[in-house]
N, C-alpha and C. Protein backbone atom coordinates (compact mmCIF):
# COMPACT_ATOMS: atom_id res chain seq x y z
N UNK A 1 -9.73 5.83 -21.55
CA UNK A 1 -11.08 5.99 -23.07
C UNK A 1 -10.66 6.75 -23.91
N UNK A 2 -11.32 6.64 -25.05
CA UNK A 2 -10.94 7.09 -26.69
C UNK A 2 -12.25 7.86 -26.74
N UNK A 3 -11.97 8.94 -27.55
CA UNK A 3 -12.92 9.76 -28.25
C UNK A 3 -12.25 10.76 -29.54
N UNK A 4 -13.26 10.77 -30.36
CA UNK A 4 -12.72 11.50 -31.37
C UNK A 4 -12.80 13.27 -31.08
N UNK A 5 -13.59 13.33 -29.52
CA UNK A 5 -13.50 14.51 -29.09
C UNK A 5 -12.26 14.61 -28.02
N UNK A 6 -11.93 16.01 -27.72
CA UNK A 6 -10.95 16.09 -26.65
C UNK A 6 -11.29 17.41 -25.80
N UNK A 7 -10.74 17.22 -24.80
CA UNK A 7 -10.91 18.64 -23.97
C UNK A 7 -10.89 19.86 -24.37
N UNK A 8 -9.62 20.09 -25.65
CA UNK A 8 -9.51 21.12 -26.23
C UNK A 8 -10.64 21.33 -27.26
N UNK A 9 -11.36 20.76 -27.65
CA UNK A 9 -12.46 20.51 -28.78
C UNK A 9 -13.54 20.96 -28.20
N UNK A 10 -14.20 22.05 -28.83
CA UNK A 10 -15.62 22.69 -28.57
C UNK A 10 -16.48 21.96 -29.74
N UNK A 11 -17.90 21.30 -29.19
CA UNK A 11 -18.80 20.83 -30.45
C UNK A 11 -19.91 21.96 -30.54
N UNK A 12 -20.35 21.71 -31.65
CA UNK A 12 -21.75 22.63 -31.75
C UNK A 12 -22.99 21.89 -31.66
N UNK A 13 -23.97 22.92 -31.44
CA UNK A 13 -25.20 22.31 -31.83
C UNK A 13 -25.69 21.23 -32.46
N UNK A 14 -25.94 20.23 -31.84
CA UNK A 14 -26.62 18.75 -32.65
C UNK A 14 -25.14 17.80 -32.93
N UNK A 15 -24.15 18.23 -32.53
CA UNK A 15 -23.10 17.51 -32.89
C UNK A 15 -22.78 16.64 -31.56
N UNK A 16 -22.28 15.45 -31.89
CA UNK A 16 -22.09 14.22 -30.69
C UNK A 16 -20.46 13.84 -30.83
N UNK A 17 -20.28 13.39 -29.67
CA UNK A 17 -19.05 12.74 -29.32
C UNK A 17 -19.07 11.60 -28.88
N UNK A 18 -18.51 10.57 -29.52
CA UNK A 18 -18.54 9.04 -29.15
C UNK A 18 -17.43 8.61 -28.32
N UNK A 19 -17.62 8.01 -27.24
CA UNK A 19 -16.50 7.24 -26.22
C UNK A 19 -16.41 5.80 -26.11
N UNK A 20 -15.54 5.31 -25.96
CA UNK A 20 -14.94 3.92 -25.92
C UNK A 20 -13.93 3.61 -24.91
N UNK A 21 -13.81 2.55 -24.27
CA UNK A 21 -12.97 2.03 -23.34
C UNK A 21 -11.80 1.23 -23.98
N UNK A 22 -10.60 0.98 -23.37
CA UNK A 22 -9.71 0.22 -23.94
C UNK A 22 -10.05 -1.10 -23.41
N UNK A 23 -9.45 -2.17 -24.09
CA UNK A 23 -9.52 -3.51 -23.57
C UNK A 23 -9.50 -3.94 -22.20
N UNK A 24 -10.39 -4.80 -21.50
CA UNK A 24 -10.20 -4.84 -20.08
C UNK A 24 -11.12 -3.74 -19.56
N UNK A 25 -11.63 -2.96 -19.85
CA UNK A 25 -12.57 -1.60 -19.30
C UNK A 25 -13.80 -1.84 -19.66
N UNK A 26 -14.98 -1.10 -18.96
CA UNK A 26 -16.18 -1.05 -19.64
C UNK A 26 -16.63 0.18 -19.25
N UNK A 27 -17.63 0.57 -20.39
CA UNK A 27 -18.19 2.01 -20.34
C UNK A 27 -19.28 2.10 -19.13
N UNK A 28 -19.19 3.46 -18.30
CA UNK A 28 -20.09 3.51 -17.32
C UNK A 28 -20.74 4.94 -18.05
N UNK A 29 -21.81 4.83 -17.96
CA UNK A 29 -22.54 5.97 -18.78
C UNK A 29 -22.66 5.75 -20.36
N UNK A 30 -23.27 6.74 -20.82
CA UNK A 30 -23.68 7.00 -22.14
C UNK A 30 -22.59 6.83 -23.23
N UNK A 31 -22.43 5.92 -24.49
CA UNK A 31 -21.49 6.01 -25.34
C UNK A 31 -21.38 7.08 -25.99
N UNK A 32 -22.57 7.96 -26.19
CA UNK A 32 -22.44 9.04 -26.94
C UNK A 32 -23.03 10.41 -26.28
N UNK A 33 -22.65 11.61 -26.42
CA UNK A 33 -23.24 12.53 -26.01
C UNK A 33 -23.51 13.66 -26.88
N UNK A 34 -24.52 14.62 -26.60
CA UNK A 34 -24.58 15.40 -28.05
C UNK A 34 -24.86 16.76 -27.40
N UNK A 35 -24.36 17.76 -28.26
CA UNK A 35 -24.67 19.22 -27.58
C UNK A 35 -25.97 19.35 -27.87
N UNK A 36 -26.77 20.11 -26.99
CA UNK A 36 -28.08 20.46 -27.20
C UNK A 36 -28.27 22.18 -27.34
N UNK A 37 -29.19 22.48 -27.52
CA UNK A 37 -29.76 23.97 -27.87
C UNK A 37 -29.33 24.95 -26.68
N UNK A 38 -29.49 24.52 -25.60
CA UNK A 38 -28.91 25.32 -24.17
C UNK A 38 -27.56 25.06 -23.98
N UNK A 39 -26.70 24.69 -24.78
CA UNK A 39 -25.09 24.88 -25.07
C UNK A 39 -24.80 23.84 -23.43
N UNK A 40 -25.56 22.78 -23.49
CA UNK A 40 -25.28 21.57 -22.37
C UNK A 40 -25.27 20.07 -23.12
N UNK A 41 -24.69 19.37 -22.60
CA UNK A 41 -24.23 18.02 -23.13
C UNK A 41 -25.57 17.22 -22.69
N UNK A 42 -25.87 16.16 -23.63
CA UNK A 42 -27.40 15.57 -23.46
C UNK A 42 -27.14 14.82 -22.47
N UNK A 43 -25.82 14.46 -21.80
CA UNK A 43 -25.72 13.26 -20.81
C UNK A 43 -24.37 13.90 -20.04
N UNK A 44 -23.90 13.09 -18.88
CA UNK A 44 -22.96 13.25 -18.20
C UNK A 44 -21.80 12.64 -19.21
N UNK A 45 -20.67 13.11 -18.94
CA UNK A 45 -19.32 12.11 -19.56
C UNK A 45 -19.40 10.85 -19.05
N UNK A 46 -18.88 9.86 -19.87
CA UNK A 46 -18.92 8.57 -19.37
C UNK A 46 -17.58 8.48 -18.88
N UNK A 47 -17.27 7.38 -18.01
CA UNK A 47 -16.04 6.75 -17.47
C UNK A 47 -15.83 5.51 -17.69
N UNK A 48 -14.53 5.10 -17.79
CA UNK A 48 -14.13 3.45 -17.80
C UNK A 48 -13.92 2.92 -16.50
N UNK A 49 -14.31 1.47 -16.52
CA UNK A 49 -13.91 1.03 -14.84
C UNK A 49 -13.59 -0.55 -15.21
N UNK A 50 -12.74 -0.58 -14.66
CA UNK A 50 -12.07 -2.08 -14.94
C UNK A 50 -13.07 -3.20 -14.85
N UNK A 51 -12.70 -4.22 -15.81
CA UNK A 51 -13.16 -5.23 -15.72
C UNK A 51 -12.70 -6.17 -14.54
N UNK A 52 -13.78 -7.27 -13.86
CA UNK A 52 -13.17 -7.92 -12.87
C UNK A 52 -13.58 -9.36 -13.11
N UNK A 53 -12.87 -10.00 -12.41
CA UNK A 53 -13.44 -11.79 -12.58
C UNK A 53 -13.57 -12.03 -11.16
N UNK A 54 -14.68 -12.80 -10.77
CA UNK A 54 -15.23 -12.98 -9.39
C UNK A 54 -14.25 -14.46 -9.13
N UNK A 55 -13.57 -14.73 -8.15
CA UNK A 55 -12.90 -15.78 -7.71
C UNK A 55 -13.93 -16.71 -6.84
N UNK A 56 -13.95 -17.86 -7.55
CA UNK A 56 -14.96 -18.85 -7.08
C UNK A 56 -14.67 -19.54 -5.66
N UNK A 57 -15.74 -20.24 -5.14
CA UNK A 57 -15.22 -21.02 -4.15
C UNK A 57 -14.44 -22.00 -4.21
N UNK A 58 -13.48 -22.01 -3.76
CA UNK A 58 -11.98 -23.20 -3.97
C UNK A 58 -12.46 -24.50 -3.48
N UNK A 59 -11.89 -25.25 -4.10
CA UNK A 59 -12.00 -26.82 -3.96
C UNK A 59 -11.48 -27.32 -2.66
N UNK A 60 -11.82 -28.55 -1.94
CA UNK A 60 -10.74 -28.67 -0.76
C UNK A 60 -9.46 -28.81 -1.07
N UNK A 61 -8.48 -28.22 -0.17
CA UNK A 61 -7.29 -28.43 -0.01
C UNK A 61 -6.30 -27.76 -1.15
N UNK A 62 -7.04 -26.72 -1.80
CA UNK A 62 -6.67 -25.60 -2.38
C UNK A 62 -6.46 -24.30 -2.08
N UNK A 63 -5.34 -23.56 -2.16
CA UNK A 63 -5.21 -21.91 -1.77
C UNK A 63 -4.96 -21.36 -2.83
N UNK A 64 -5.10 -20.22 -2.47
CA UNK A 64 -4.78 -18.92 -3.68
C UNK A 64 -4.40 -17.74 -3.07
N UNK A 65 -3.58 -17.03 -4.06
CA UNK A 65 -3.21 -15.67 -3.58
C UNK A 65 -4.43 -14.74 -3.58
N UNK A 66 -5.55 -15.10 -4.04
CA UNK A 66 -6.67 -14.23 -4.41
C UNK A 66 -7.77 -15.01 -3.38
N UNK A 67 -8.50 -14.02 -3.04
CA UNK A 67 -9.56 -14.23 -1.86
C UNK A 67 -10.80 -14.98 -2.57
N UNK A 68 -11.10 -16.18 -2.31
CA UNK A 68 -12.32 -16.66 -2.83
C UNK A 68 -13.60 -15.48 -2.52
N UNK A 69 -14.46 -15.82 -3.19
CA UNK A 69 -15.59 -14.86 -3.38
C UNK A 69 -15.57 -13.19 -3.65
N UNK A 70 -14.11 -12.97 -3.80
CA UNK A 70 -13.92 -11.65 -4.10
C UNK A 70 -13.79 -11.43 -5.42
N UNK A 71 -13.75 -10.35 -6.23
CA UNK A 71 -13.54 -9.85 -7.38
C UNK A 71 -11.94 -9.20 -7.51
N UNK A 72 -11.40 -9.87 -8.82
CA UNK A 72 -10.04 -9.22 -9.23
C UNK A 72 -10.10 -8.73 -10.36
N UNK A 73 -9.36 -7.57 -10.34
CA UNK A 73 -9.09 -6.97 -11.56
C UNK A 73 -8.50 -7.35 -12.90
N UNK A 74 -9.03 -6.93 -14.13
CA UNK A 74 -8.43 -7.22 -15.51
C UNK A 74 -6.69 -7.09 -15.00
N UNK A 75 -6.15 -8.46 -16.02
CA UNK A 75 -5.01 -8.47 -15.71
C UNK A 75 -4.37 -9.15 -14.38
N UNK A 76 -4.98 -9.32 -13.40
CA UNK A 76 -4.65 -9.74 -12.39
C UNK A 76 -4.08 -11.30 -12.25
N UNK A 77 -3.13 -11.65 -11.60
CA UNK A 77 -3.02 -13.14 -12.02
C UNK A 77 -3.03 -13.67 -10.48
N UNK A 78 -3.79 -14.83 -10.48
CA UNK A 78 -3.78 -15.23 -9.18
C UNK A 78 -3.13 -16.75 -9.07
N UNK A 79 -2.22 -16.89 -8.00
CA UNK A 79 -1.48 -18.33 -8.04
C UNK A 79 -2.30 -19.14 -7.05
N UNK A 80 -2.16 -20.54 -7.53
CA UNK A 80 -2.82 -21.68 -6.92
C UNK A 80 -1.97 -22.82 -6.25
N UNK A 81 -1.97 -23.51 -5.14
CA UNK A 81 -1.16 -24.48 -4.24
C UNK A 81 -1.91 -25.52 -3.76
N UNK A 82 -1.89 -26.52 -3.52
CA UNK A 82 -2.55 -27.73 -2.90
C UNK A 82 -1.77 -27.80 -1.33
N UNK A 83 -2.44 -28.13 -0.37
CA UNK A 83 -2.26 -28.36 0.86
C UNK A 83 -0.99 -29.45 0.82
N UNK A 84 0.01 -29.81 1.84
CA UNK A 84 0.82 -31.11 1.96
C UNK A 84 0.14 -32.45 1.43
N UNK A 85 0.70 -33.33 0.68
CA UNK A 85 -0.12 -34.39 0.28
C UNK A 85 -0.86 -34.32 -0.48
N UNK A 86 -0.91 -33.30 -1.30
CA UNK A 86 -1.83 -33.35 -2.41
C UNK A 86 -1.24 -32.73 -3.85
N UNK A 87 -1.62 -33.20 -4.77
CA UNK A 87 -1.01 -32.90 -5.99
C UNK A 87 -1.91 -31.58 -6.95
N UNK A 88 -1.47 -30.78 -7.47
CA UNK A 88 -2.28 -29.65 -8.27
C UNK A 88 -2.50 -30.52 -9.51
N UNK A 89 -3.85 -30.44 -9.83
CA UNK A 89 -4.18 -30.81 -11.34
C UNK A 89 -4.98 -29.41 -11.72
N UNK A 90 -4.16 -29.12 -12.91
CA UNK A 90 -4.62 -28.00 -13.77
C UNK A 90 -3.46 -26.72 -13.27
N UNK A 91 -3.47 -25.76 -13.87
CA UNK A 91 -2.81 -24.26 -14.02
C UNK A 91 -2.32 -23.84 -12.62
N UNK A 92 -1.13 -23.60 -12.19
CA UNK A 92 -0.58 -22.95 -10.99
C UNK A 92 -1.30 -21.86 -11.19
N UNK A 93 -1.54 -20.79 -12.00
CA UNK A 93 -1.62 -19.64 -12.12
C UNK A 93 -2.37 -19.35 -13.27
N UNK A 94 -3.58 -18.27 -13.07
CA UNK A 94 -4.48 -18.13 -13.99
C UNK A 94 -4.67 -16.40 -14.03
N UNK A 95 -5.06 -15.67 -15.10
CA UNK A 95 -5.15 -14.39 -15.47
C UNK A 95 -6.54 -14.13 -15.66
N UNK A 96 -6.69 -12.93 -14.94
CA UNK A 96 -7.98 -12.46 -15.28
C UNK A 96 -8.08 -11.71 -16.71
N UNK A 97 -8.99 -12.24 -17.37
CA UNK A 97 -8.81 -11.77 -18.84
C UNK A 97 -10.02 -10.68 -18.72
N UNK A 98 -10.33 -10.10 -20.25
CA UNK A 98 -11.24 -8.67 -20.47
C UNK A 98 -12.58 -9.14 -20.55
N UNK A 99 -12.55 -10.63 -20.83
CA UNK A 99 -14.30 -10.91 -20.81
C UNK A 99 -14.80 -11.44 -19.56
N UNK A 100 -14.16 -11.20 -18.53
CA UNK A 100 -14.59 -11.16 -17.06
C UNK A 100 -14.30 -12.80 -16.76
N UNK A 101 -13.46 -13.58 -17.36
CA UNK A 101 -13.34 -14.67 -17.19
C UNK A 101 -11.79 -15.37 -16.77
N UNK A 102 -11.26 -16.29 -16.06
CA UNK A 102 -10.16 -16.64 -15.93
C UNK A 102 -9.59 -17.15 -16.93
N UNK A 103 -8.24 -17.34 -17.28
CA UNK A 103 -7.45 -17.99 -18.46
C UNK A 103 -7.60 -19.66 -18.67
N UNK A 104 -8.08 -19.98 -17.45
CA UNK A 104 -8.47 -21.37 -17.82
C UNK A 104 -9.20 -21.66 -16.57
N UNK A 105 -9.72 -23.03 -16.08
CA UNK A 105 -10.42 -23.65 -15.08
C UNK A 105 -9.84 -23.36 -13.69
N UNK A 106 -10.49 -23.13 -12.75
CA UNK A 106 -9.63 -23.19 -11.46
C UNK A 106 -9.34 -24.96 -11.36
N UNK A 107 -7.91 -24.62 -10.70
CA UNK A 107 -7.32 -25.89 -10.63
C UNK A 107 -7.94 -26.82 -9.54
N UNK A 108 -7.93 -27.94 -9.44
CA UNK A 108 -8.28 -29.09 -8.09
C UNK A 108 -6.95 -29.78 -7.04
N UNK A 109 -7.20 -30.21 -6.57
CA UNK A 109 -6.17 -30.89 -5.56
C UNK A 109 -6.66 -32.50 -5.54
N UNK A 110 -5.42 -33.08 -6.05
CA UNK A 110 -5.73 -34.90 -5.60
C UNK A 110 -4.63 -35.20 -4.80
N UNK A 111 -5.26 -36.05 -3.59
CA UNK A 111 -4.56 -36.60 -2.80
C UNK A 111 -3.02 -37.64 -3.41
N UNK A 112 -2.07 -37.46 -2.81
CA UNK A 112 -0.99 -38.34 -3.06
C UNK A 112 -1.35 -39.69 -2.58
N UNK A 113 -0.84 -40.67 -3.49
CA UNK A 113 -1.09 -41.96 -3.15
C UNK A 113 0.34 -42.55 -3.07
N UNK A 114 0.72 -43.64 -2.37
CA UNK A 114 1.64 -44.73 -2.67
C UNK A 114 1.35 -46.19 -2.89
N UNK A 115 2.48 -46.98 -3.50
CA UNK A 115 1.91 -47.97 -4.06
C UNK A 115 2.61 -49.09 -2.63
N UNK A 116 1.86 -50.26 -2.30
CA UNK A 116 2.27 -51.20 -1.61
C UNK A 116 2.92 -51.91 -2.45
N UNK A 117 4.36 -52.47 -2.33
CA UNK A 117 4.68 -53.70 -3.11
C UNK A 117 4.28 -54.74 -2.76
N UNK A 118 4.45 -55.89 -3.66
CA UNK A 118 4.21 -57.14 -3.10
C UNK A 118 4.99 -57.46 -1.83
N UNK A 119 4.24 -58.23 -1.07
CA UNK A 119 4.60 -58.87 0.29
C UNK A 119 6.03 -59.67 0.01
N UNK A 120 6.75 -59.65 1.08
CA UNK A 120 7.88 -60.68 1.16
C UNK A 120 6.80 -62.04 1.72
N UNK A 121 7.41 -63.00 1.61
CA UNK A 121 7.13 -64.34 2.02
C UNK A 121 6.86 -64.23 3.91
N UNK A 122 5.72 -64.68 4.02
CA UNK A 122 5.23 -64.63 5.64
C UNK A 122 4.66 -63.63 6.02
N UNK A 123 4.70 -62.37 5.47
CA UNK A 123 4.25 -61.02 5.91
C UNK A 123 2.68 -60.73 6.11
N UNK A 124 2.17 -60.31 6.92
CA UNK A 124 1.00 -60.01 6.94
C UNK A 124 0.59 -58.79 7.32
N UNK A 125 -0.71 -58.08 7.30
CA UNK A 125 -1.04 -56.87 7.44
C UNK A 125 -2.14 -56.75 8.67
N UNK A 126 -2.15 -55.65 9.07
CA UNK A 126 -2.96 -55.40 10.22
C UNK A 126 -4.60 -54.76 9.58
N UNK A 127 -4.36 -54.33 8.69
CA UNK A 127 -5.79 -53.84 7.84
C UNK A 127 -6.20 -54.07 6.38
N UNK A 128 -7.06 -54.29 6.27
CA UNK A 128 -7.23 -54.49 4.42
C UNK A 128 -6.96 -53.38 3.62
N UNK A 129 -6.68 -52.32 3.92
CA UNK A 129 -6.48 -51.09 3.07
C UNK A 129 -4.79 -51.03 2.63
N UNK A 130 -4.27 -51.87 3.60
CA UNK A 130 -2.63 -52.06 3.37
C UNK A 130 -2.48 -53.31 2.94
N UNK A 131 -3.13 -53.89 1.96
CA UNK A 131 -2.82 -55.05 1.21
C UNK A 131 -1.87 -54.84 0.11
N UNK A 132 -1.01 -56.00 -0.39
CA UNK A 132 0.08 -56.46 -1.42
C UNK A 132 -0.53 -55.72 -2.34
N UNK A 133 0.18 -55.04 -3.07
CA UNK A 133 0.15 -54.36 -4.50
C UNK A 133 -1.00 -53.21 -4.27
N UNK A 134 -1.14 -52.61 -3.45
CA UNK A 134 -2.43 -51.83 -3.56
C UNK A 134 -1.81 -50.20 -2.93
N UNK A 135 -2.82 -49.47 -3.40
CA UNK A 135 -2.48 -48.26 -3.33
C UNK A 135 -3.27 -47.37 -1.98
N UNK A 136 -2.22 -46.62 -1.15
CA UNK A 136 -2.75 -46.16 -0.12
C UNK A 136 -2.69 -44.38 -0.35
N UNK A 137 -3.84 -43.74 0.34
CA UNK A 137 -3.44 -42.41 0.33
C UNK A 137 -2.23 -41.84 1.38
N UNK A 138 -2.05 -40.62 1.23
CA UNK A 138 -1.15 -39.68 2.16
C UNK A 138 -1.65 -39.84 3.33
N UNK A 139 -0.62 -39.67 4.14
CA UNK A 139 -0.56 -39.91 5.69
C UNK A 139 -1.62 -41.28 6.28
N UNK A 140 -1.61 -42.36 5.51
CA UNK A 140 -1.94 -43.66 5.90
C UNK A 140 -1.09 -44.19 6.27
N UNK A 141 -1.08 -44.96 7.51
CA UNK A 141 -0.35 -45.72 8.02
C UNK A 141 -0.45 -47.20 7.67
N UNK A 142 0.55 -48.01 8.06
CA UNK A 142 0.29 -49.52 7.85
C UNK A 142 1.13 -50.38 8.78
N UNK A 143 0.58 -51.34 9.63
CA UNK A 143 1.18 -52.20 10.35
C UNK A 143 1.26 -53.54 10.11
N UNK A 144 2.45 -54.16 10.21
CA UNK A 144 2.77 -55.33 9.27
C UNK A 144 3.56 -56.28 10.54
N UNK A 145 3.16 -57.68 10.55
CA UNK A 145 3.62 -58.59 11.38
C UNK A 145 4.02 -59.98 10.51
N UNK A 146 4.41 -60.82 11.09
CA UNK A 146 4.89 -62.16 10.33
C UNK A 146 3.93 -63.10 10.97
N UNK A 147 3.59 -64.34 10.23
CA UNK A 147 3.20 -65.18 10.61
C UNK A 147 3.66 -65.99 11.75
N UNK A 148 2.93 -66.75 12.36
CA UNK A 148 3.69 -67.68 13.62
C UNK A 148 4.97 -68.34 13.17
N UNK A 149 5.97 -68.44 13.80
CA UNK A 149 7.18 -68.92 13.88
C UNK A 149 7.93 -67.97 12.87
N UNK A 150 7.73 -66.81 12.49
CA UNK A 150 8.79 -66.05 11.54
C UNK A 150 8.94 -64.76 12.93
N UNK A 151 10.45 -64.24 12.63
CA UNK A 151 10.53 -62.96 13.07
C UNK A 151 10.48 -61.79 12.09
N UNK A 152 10.09 -60.52 12.51
CA UNK A 152 10.04 -59.56 11.74
C UNK A 152 11.42 -58.86 11.98
N UNK A 153 11.86 -58.52 10.69
CA UNK A 153 12.93 -57.93 10.37
C UNK A 153 13.01 -56.75 9.69
N UNK A 154 13.17 -55.27 10.35
CA UNK A 154 13.06 -54.02 9.74
C UNK A 154 11.88 -53.40 10.03
N UNK A 155 11.30 -52.29 9.71
CA UNK A 155 10.05 -51.37 10.50
C UNK A 155 8.76 -52.32 10.42
N UNK A 156 7.99 -52.44 11.23
CA UNK A 156 6.59 -52.86 11.44
C UNK A 156 5.54 -51.87 11.17
N UNK A 157 5.94 -50.80 10.87
CA UNK A 157 5.02 -49.55 10.73
C UNK A 157 5.76 -48.81 9.32
N UNK A 158 4.81 -48.55 8.26
CA UNK A 158 5.00 -47.50 7.42
C UNK A 158 3.99 -46.58 7.14
N UNK A 159 4.31 -45.56 6.55
CA UNK A 159 3.27 -44.26 6.47
C UNK A 159 3.56 -44.00 5.09
N UNK A 160 2.42 -43.15 4.25
CA UNK A 160 2.49 -43.11 3.01
C UNK A 160 2.86 -41.34 3.21
N UNK A 161 4.02 -40.95 2.37
CA UNK A 161 4.39 -39.85 2.57
C UNK A 161 3.97 -38.98 1.37
N UNK A 162 4.25 -37.39 1.70
CA UNK A 162 3.73 -36.31 0.82
C UNK A 162 4.30 -36.80 -0.84
N UNK A 163 5.72 -37.15 -0.71
CA UNK A 163 6.56 -37.34 -1.94
C UNK A 163 5.85 -38.83 -2.65
N UNK A 164 4.74 -39.14 -2.22
CA UNK A 164 4.17 -40.67 -2.65
C UNK A 164 4.93 -41.91 -2.76
N UNK A 165 6.17 -41.60 -1.60
CA UNK A 165 6.78 -43.01 -1.48
C UNK A 165 6.75 -43.13 0.21
N UNK A 166 6.73 -44.38 0.42
CA UNK A 166 6.56 -45.09 1.86
C UNK A 166 7.49 -44.46 2.57
N UNK A 167 7.43 -44.50 3.71
CA UNK A 167 8.41 -44.09 4.91
C UNK A 167 9.51 -45.11 4.87
N UNK A 168 9.38 -46.34 4.57
CA UNK A 168 10.38 -47.36 4.64
C UNK A 168 10.06 -48.46 3.71
N UNK A 169 11.10 -49.09 3.84
CA UNK A 169 10.79 -50.55 3.03
C UNK A 169 9.73 -51.35 3.79
N UNK A 170 9.21 -52.44 3.19
CA UNK A 170 8.25 -53.42 3.98
C UNK A 170 9.50 -54.27 4.75
N UNK A 171 8.72 -54.75 5.71
CA UNK A 171 9.56 -55.39 6.40
C UNK A 171 9.99 -56.77 5.96
N UNK A 172 10.64 -57.56 6.55
CA UNK A 172 10.82 -59.12 5.97
C UNK A 172 10.60 -60.01 7.12
N UNK A 173 10.24 -61.30 6.86
CA UNK A 173 10.31 -62.44 7.95
C UNK A 173 11.24 -63.39 7.74
N UNK A 174 11.68 -63.60 8.79
CA UNK A 174 13.14 -64.56 8.86
C UNK A 174 12.35 -65.86 9.86
N UNK A 175 12.51 -66.99 9.60
CA UNK A 175 12.17 -68.33 10.33
C UNK A 175 13.01 -67.99 11.72
N UNK A 176 12.52 -68.58 12.73
CA UNK A 176 12.81 -68.26 13.99
C UNK A 176 13.71 -69.74 14.37
N UNK A 177 14.79 -69.61 14.95
CA UNK A 177 15.63 -70.82 15.18
C UNK A 177 15.26 -71.44 16.70
N UNK A 178 15.27 -72.64 16.69
CA UNK A 178 15.04 -73.37 17.95
C UNK A 178 16.00 -73.30 18.94
């Protein structure tokens, strides 16, 4: 707290002392006190209270070092991260500013996707979300088989991993020999 008055200074009747707080703090009480005829002050001496930012409810799949719904003090840094299989959209750390807001918007989490490449000849899928040159979400699994008269070579099952890469290459189909 700053003031033109200090503890060693006495003020006379009708003189006033003004008070203000440093950046990041707000004044609690009157910004000015005056010496009255009865040698008392017109008000209690003010104090400074740290500014805070409210941590809002977090979007799905986002976690933070700061507790949602709670207030954090000026200059506090909140760290953010997404659950496995999700990418962070936005800043991974935000600071509580003197104006009671965060330094940027609260980030969000976007699910990781994997690209299904073009199918090898005679390969078919078991469900429509696993079609050729489609995108599938993290943890989605796909089963493949070959058209009649062809034999599957490789894994019949692939899953979209958190890295955005399929767990295996698509299988191929070889003609059966008689």
